[in-house]
Amino acid sequence: MANAKFNNNENEALFGVFDGHGGREVAVFSNKHYEEILLKEFKNKDNDVKEGLRVSFLNVDVELKTANGQNELGDLRREKPPKKPALLNILSDDREKKEDE
């Protein structure tokens, strides 16, 4: 995620990398919604950046657990189902090779 004009301000920027440790769809959801969640948090607090970031990350989890968040995650999973982990691909390839021999 990159926004060179965070909060419509040329002097502020927001950059983030969502690694998807909760799955690809969680990374996509976070990329789509994080800026809005962060801005809400800054509007509710006294611009304490450290605390605003901390609480906004926690609020992503809150949003993920809502009915709308769960529906969006489901839509993202159906749109692009997860691939098998690399290890499973390797194991299944080995099994297939042994069966062919």
N, C-alpha and C. Protein backbone atom coordinates (compact mmCIF):
# COMPACT_ATOMS: atom_id res chain seq x y z
N MET A 1 0.85 -1.16 0.00
CA MET A 1 0.00 0.00 0.00
C MET A 1 0.90 1.23 0.00
N ALA A 2 0.55 2.20 -0.78
CA ALA A 2 1.31 3.44 -0.79
C ALA A 2 0.36 4.60 -1.08
N ASN A 3 0.47 5.64 -0.28
CA ASN A 3 -0.31 6.84 -0.50
C ASN A 3 0.59 8.02 -0.20
N ALA A 4 1.02 8.70 -1.22
CA ALA A 4 1.94 9.82 -1.06
C ALA A 4 1.23 11.07 -0.53
N LYS A 5 -0.09 11.08 -0.55
CA LYS A 5 -0.86 12.21 -0.01
C LYS A 5 -1.82 11.69 1.05
N PHE A 6 -1.27 11.14 2.11
CA PHE A 6 -2.09 10.60 3.19
C PHE A 6 -2.95 11.70 3.80
N ASN A 7 -4.21 11.39 3.97
CA ASN A 7 -5.15 12.35 4.57
C ASN A 7 -5.23 13.63 3.74
N ASN A 8 -5.06 13.49 2.41
CA ASN A 8 -5.07 14.62 1.47
C ASN A 8 -4.06 15.70 1.83
N ASN A 9 -2.95 15.29 2.41
CA ASN A 9 -1.91 16.23 2.84
C ASN A 9 -0.62 15.87 2.11
N GLU A 10 -0.08 16.80 1.35
CA GLU A 10 1.16 16.54 0.60
C GLU A 10 2.37 16.34 1.50
N ASN A 11 2.27 16.72 2.77
CA ASN A 11 3.39 16.58 3.70
C ASN A 11 3.34 15.27 4.49
N GLU A 12 2.34 14.46 4.24
CA GLU A 12 2.21 13.19 4.95
C GLU A 12 2.09 12.06 3.93
N ALA A 13 2.71 10.92 4.25
CA ALA A 13 2.62 9.76 3.37
C ALA A 13 2.39 8.52 4.23
N LEU A 14 1.77 7.52 3.62
CA LEU A 14 1.51 6.27 4.31
C LEU A 14 1.96 5.13 3.40
N PHE A 15 2.80 4.27 3.93
CA PHE A 15 3.28 3.11 3.20
C PHE A 15 3.13 1.89 4.08
N GLY A 16 2.73 0.78 3.53
CA GLY A 16 2.57 -0.44 4.32
C GLY A 16 2.77 -1.68 3.49
N VAL A 17 3.21 -2.72 4.15
CA VAL A 17 3.36 -4.03 3.53
C VAL A 17 2.54 -4.99 4.38
N PHE A 18 1.56 -5.62 3.77
CA PHE A 18 0.73 -6.59 4.46
C PHE A 18 1.16 -7.97 3.99
N ASP A 19 1.78 -8.72 4.89
CA ASP A 19 2.42 -9.99 4.49
C ASP A 19 1.46 -11.15 4.34
N GLY A 20 0.23 -11.00 4.77
CA GLY A 20 -0.74 -12.06 4.56
C GLY A 20 -0.57 -13.24 5.49
N HIS A 21 0.01 -13.01 6.69
CA HIS A 21 0.16 -14.14 7.61
C HIS A 21 -1.19 -14.72 8.01
N GLY A 22 -2.26 -13.99 7.78
CA GLY A 22 -3.61 -14.50 8.02
C GLY A 22 -4.24 -15.02 6.74
N GLY A 23 -3.45 -15.07 5.69
CA GLY A 23 -3.95 -15.50 4.39
C GLY A 23 -3.93 -14.35 3.40
N ARG A 24 -3.90 -14.70 2.12
CA ARG A 24 -3.84 -13.69 1.07
C ARG A 24 -5.00 -12.72 1.17
N GLU A 25 -6.19 -13.23 1.46
CA GLU A 25 -7.36 -12.38 1.50
C GLU A 25 -7.30 -11.37 2.65
N VAL A 26 -6.64 -11.73 3.75
CA VAL A 26 -6.47 -10.77 4.86
C VAL A 26 -5.55 -9.63 4.43
N ALA A 27 -4.51 -9.96 3.68
CA ALA A 27 -3.61 -8.92 3.17
C ALA A 27 -4.35 -7.99 2.21
N VAL A 28 -5.18 -8.55 1.34
CA VAL A 28 -5.95 -7.74 0.40
C VAL A 28 -6.94 -6.86 1.15
N PHE A 29 -7.64 -7.44 2.13
CA PHE A 29 -8.59 -6.69 2.96
C PHE A 29 -7.89 -5.53 3.66
N SER A 30 -6.74 -5.82 4.28
CA SER A 30 -5.98 -4.81 5.00
C SER A 30 -5.54 -3.68 4.08
N ASN A 31 -5.06 -4.04 2.91
CA ASN A 31 -4.63 -3.05 1.93
C ASN A 31 -5.79 -2.13 1.55
N LYS A 32 -6.95 -2.72 1.39
CA LYS A 32 -8.13 -1.96 0.97
C LYS A 32 -8.67 -1.05 2.08
N HIS A 33 -8.62 -1.50 3.33
CA HIS A 33 -9.33 -0.80 4.41
C HIS A 33 -8.44 -0.09 5.43
N TYR A 34 -7.14 -0.39 5.45
CA TYR A 34 -6.31 0.13 6.54
C TYR A 34 -6.29 1.65 6.63
N GLU A 35 -6.15 2.31 5.52
CA GLU A 35 -6.06 3.78 5.56
C GLU A 35 -7.30 4.39 6.20
N GLU A 36 -8.46 3.90 5.83
CA GLU A 36 -9.71 4.40 6.40
C GLU A 36 -9.78 4.14 7.92
N ILE A 37 -9.36 2.95 8.32
CA ILE A 37 -9.35 2.59 9.75
C ILE A 37 -8.39 3.49 10.51
N LEU A 38 -7.21 3.74 9.94
CA LEU A 38 -6.22 4.60 10.58
C LEU A 38 -6.73 6.04 10.70
N LEU A 39 -7.34 6.55 9.65
CA LEU A 39 -7.86 7.92 9.70
C LEU A 39 -8.94 8.06 10.77
N LYS A 40 -9.81 7.05 10.91
CA LYS A 40 -10.83 7.08 11.97
C LYS A 40 -10.17 7.16 13.33
N GLU A 41 -9.11 6.39 13.50
CA GLU A 41 -8.42 6.37 14.79
C GLU A 41 -7.79 7.72 15.10
N PHE A 42 -7.18 8.34 14.09
CA PHE A 42 -6.57 9.65 14.33
C PHE A 42 -7.61 10.72 14.63
N LYS A 43 -8.80 10.58 14.07
CA LYS A 43 -9.86 11.53 14.36
C LYS A 43 -10.38 11.36 15.78
N ASN A 44 -10.24 10.16 16.33
CA ASN A 44 -10.73 9.87 17.69
C ASN A 44 -9.70 10.18 18.77
N LYS A 45 -8.46 10.35 18.40
CA LYS A 45 -7.38 10.55 19.38
C LYS A 45 -6.71 11.90 19.17
N ASP A 46 -5.77 12.20 20.05
CA ASP A 46 -5.04 13.47 19.99
C ASP A 46 -3.78 13.38 19.15
N ASN A 47 -3.86 12.73 17.99
CA ASN A 47 -2.74 12.60 17.05
C ASN A 47 -1.49 11.97 17.64
N ASP A 48 -1.64 11.10 18.62
CA ASP A 48 -0.52 10.31 19.12
C ASP A 48 -0.27 9.21 18.09
N VAL A 49 0.72 9.41 17.26
CA VAL A 49 0.96 8.52 16.12
C VAL A 49 1.19 7.08 16.57
N LYS A 50 2.03 6.88 17.56
CA LYS A 50 2.35 5.53 18.01
C LYS A 50 1.08 4.81 18.48
N GLU A 51 0.29 5.46 19.31
CA GLU A 51 -0.93 4.85 19.82
C GLU A 51 -1.97 4.67 18.71
N GLY A 52 -2.05 5.65 17.81
CA GLY A 52 -2.98 5.55 16.69
C GLY A 52 -2.66 4.36 15.80
N LEU A 53 -1.38 4.12 15.53
CA LEU A 53 -0.98 2.96 14.73
C LEU A 53 -1.30 1.66 15.45
N ARG A 54 -0.98 1.62 16.74
CA ARG A 54 -1.22 0.40 17.52
C ARG A 54 -2.71 0.04 17.51
N VAL A 55 -3.55 1.01 17.83
CA VAL A 55 -4.98 0.75 17.92
C VAL A 55 -5.56 0.46 16.53
N SER A 56 -5.07 1.14 15.51
CA SER A 56 -5.60 0.91 14.17
C SER A 56 -5.31 -0.51 13.69
N PHE A 57 -4.14 -1.05 14.03
CA PHE A 57 -3.84 -2.44 13.66
C PHE A 57 -4.81 -3.39 14.36
N LEU A 58 -5.08 -3.12 15.64
CA LEU A 58 -6.04 -3.95 16.37
C LEU A 58 -7.44 -3.82 15.76
N ASN A 59 -7.77 -2.63 15.28
CA ASN A 59 -9.09 -2.41 14.70
C ASN A 59 -9.26 -3.12 13.35
N VAL A 60 -8.16 -3.40 12.66
CA VAL A 60 -8.26 -4.22 11.44
C VAL A 60 -8.82 -5.59 11.83
N ASP A 61 -8.31 -6.16 12.92
CA ASP A 61 -8.81 -7.46 13.38
C ASP A 61 -10.28 -7.38 13.75
N VAL A 62 -10.68 -6.29 14.39
CA VAL A 62 -12.09 -6.11 14.75
C VAL A 62 -12.94 -6.09 13.49
N GLU A 63 -12.51 -5.34 12.48
CA GLU A 63 -13.26 -5.25 11.22
C GLU A 63 -13.32 -6.60 10.51
N LEU A 64 -12.24 -7.36 10.58
CA LEU A 64 -12.21 -8.68 9.94
C LEU A 64 -13.26 -9.62 10.55
N LYS A 65 -13.55 -9.44 11.83
CA LYS A 65 -14.48 -10.33 12.53
C LYS A 65 -15.94 -9.93 12.38
N THR A 66 -16.20 -8.76 11.81
CA THR A 66 -17.59 -8.36 11.61
C THR A 66 -18.21 -9.18 10.49
N ALA A 67 -19.54 -9.16 10.41
CA ALA A 67 -20.23 -9.90 9.34
C ALA A 67 -19.77 -9.41 7.97
N ASN A 68 -19.65 -8.09 7.81
CA ASN A 68 -19.20 -7.55 6.53
C ASN A 68 -17.77 -7.99 6.22
N GLY A 69 -16.91 -7.97 7.24
CA GLY A 69 -15.52 -8.40 7.04
C GLY A 69 -15.44 -9.85 6.64
N GLN A 70 -16.20 -10.71 7.32
CA GLN A 70 -16.21 -12.13 7.00
C GLN A 70 -16.75 -12.39 5.59
N ASN A 71 -17.79 -11.64 5.23
CA ASN A 71 -18.34 -11.78 3.87
C ASN A 71 -17.32 -11.38 2.82
N GLU A 72 -16.60 -10.29 3.08
CA GLU A 72 -15.59 -9.84 2.12
C GLU A 72 -14.46 -10.86 2.00
N LEU A 73 -14.03 -11.42 3.13
CA LEU A 73 -12.98 -12.45 3.09
C LEU A 73 -13.46 -13.66 2.29
N GLY A 74 -14.71 -14.05 2.49
CA GLY A 74 -15.26 -15.18 1.74
C GLY A 74 -15.28 -14.89 0.25
N ASP A 75 -15.68 -13.67 -0.11
CA ASP A 75 -15.69 -13.28 -1.52
C ASP A 75 -14.29 -13.34 -2.11
N LEU A 76 -13.31 -12.86 -1.35
CA LEU A 76 -11.92 -12.88 -1.82
C LEU A 76 -11.41 -14.31 -1.99
N ARG A 77 -11.78 -15.20 -1.07
CA ARG A 77 -11.36 -16.61 -1.19
C ARG A 77 -11.97 -17.26 -2.42
N ARG A 78 -13.24 -16.98 -2.68
CA ARG A 78 -13.90 -17.56 -3.84
C ARG A 78 -13.33 -16.99 -5.14
N GLU A 79 -12.98 -15.70 -5.09
CA GLU A 79 -12.41 -15.03 -6.26
C GLU A 79 -11.10 -15.68 -6.68
N LYS A 80 -10.27 -15.97 -5.69
CA LYS A 80 -8.95 -16.55 -5.97
C LYS A 80 -8.62 -17.51 -4.84
N PRO A 81 -9.02 -18.78 -4.98
CA PRO A 81 -8.77 -19.75 -3.91
C PRO A 81 -7.28 -19.88 -3.61
N PRO A 82 -6.96 -20.17 -2.34
CA PRO A 82 -5.54 -20.30 -1.97
C PRO A 82 -4.90 -21.50 -2.66
N LYS A 83 -3.63 -21.36 -2.93
CA LYS A 83 -2.86 -22.46 -3.51
C LYS A 83 -2.38 -23.37 -2.39
N LYS A 84 -2.00 -24.58 -2.76
CA LYS A 84 -1.41 -25.48 -1.76
C LYS A 84 -0.06 -24.91 -1.34
N PRO A 85 0.30 -25.06 -0.06
CA PRO A 85 1.63 -24.63 0.36
C PRO A 85 2.70 -25.36 -0.45
N ALA A 86 3.82 -24.72 -0.64
CA ALA A 86 4.90 -25.28 -1.46
C ALA A 86 5.30 -26.68 -1.01
N LEU A 87 5.34 -26.91 0.30
CA LEU A 87 5.73 -28.21 0.81
C LEU A 87 4.75 -29.29 0.33
N LEU A 88 3.46 -28.98 0.34
CA LEU A 88 2.48 -29.97 -0.14
C LEU A 88 2.65 -30.22 -1.63
N ASN A 89 2.99 -29.20 -2.38
CA ASN A 89 3.25 -29.41 -3.81
C ASN A 89 4.42 -30.35 -4.02
N ILE A 90 5.46 -30.15 -3.25
CA ILE A 90 6.66 -30.99 -3.37
C ILE A 90 6.31 -32.43 -3.00
N LEU A 91 5.60 -32.61 -1.88
CA LEU A 91 5.24 -33.96 -1.44
C LEU A 91 4.33 -34.64 -2.45
N SER A 92 3.35 -33.92 -2.97
CA SER A 92 2.43 -34.55 -3.92
C SER A 92 3.15 -34.86 -5.23
N ASP A 93 4.10 -34.04 -5.64
CA ASP A 93 4.88 -34.33 -6.84
C ASP A 93 5.69 -35.60 -6.65
N ASP A 94 6.29 -35.78 -5.46
CA ASP A 94 7.09 -36.98 -5.20
C ASP A 94 6.22 -38.22 -5.23
N ARG A 95 5.03 -38.14 -4.66
CA ARG A 95 4.13 -39.28 -4.65
C ARG A 95 3.72 -39.66 -6.07
N GLU A 96 3.42 -38.65 -6.88
CA GLU A 96 3.02 -38.92 -8.25
C GLU A 96 4.16 -39.56 -9.04
N LYS A 97 5.38 -39.09 -8.81
CA LYS A 97 6.53 -39.67 -9.52
C LYS A 97 6.73 -41.13 -9.13
N LYS A 98 6.58 -41.42 -7.81
CA LYS A 98 6.78 -42.80 -7.34
C LYS A 98 5.71 -43.73 -7.90
N GLU A 99 4.49 -43.23 -8.01
CA GLU A 99 3.41 -44.05 -8.56
C GLU A 99 3.63 -44.32 -10.04
N ASP A 100 4.27 -43.39 -10.76
CA ASP A 100 4.52 -43.57 -12.19
C ASP A 100 5.63 -44.57 -12.46
N GLU A 101 6.54 -44.79 -11.47
CA GLU A 101 7.71 -45.65 -11.68
C GLU A 101 7.36 -47.11 -11.66
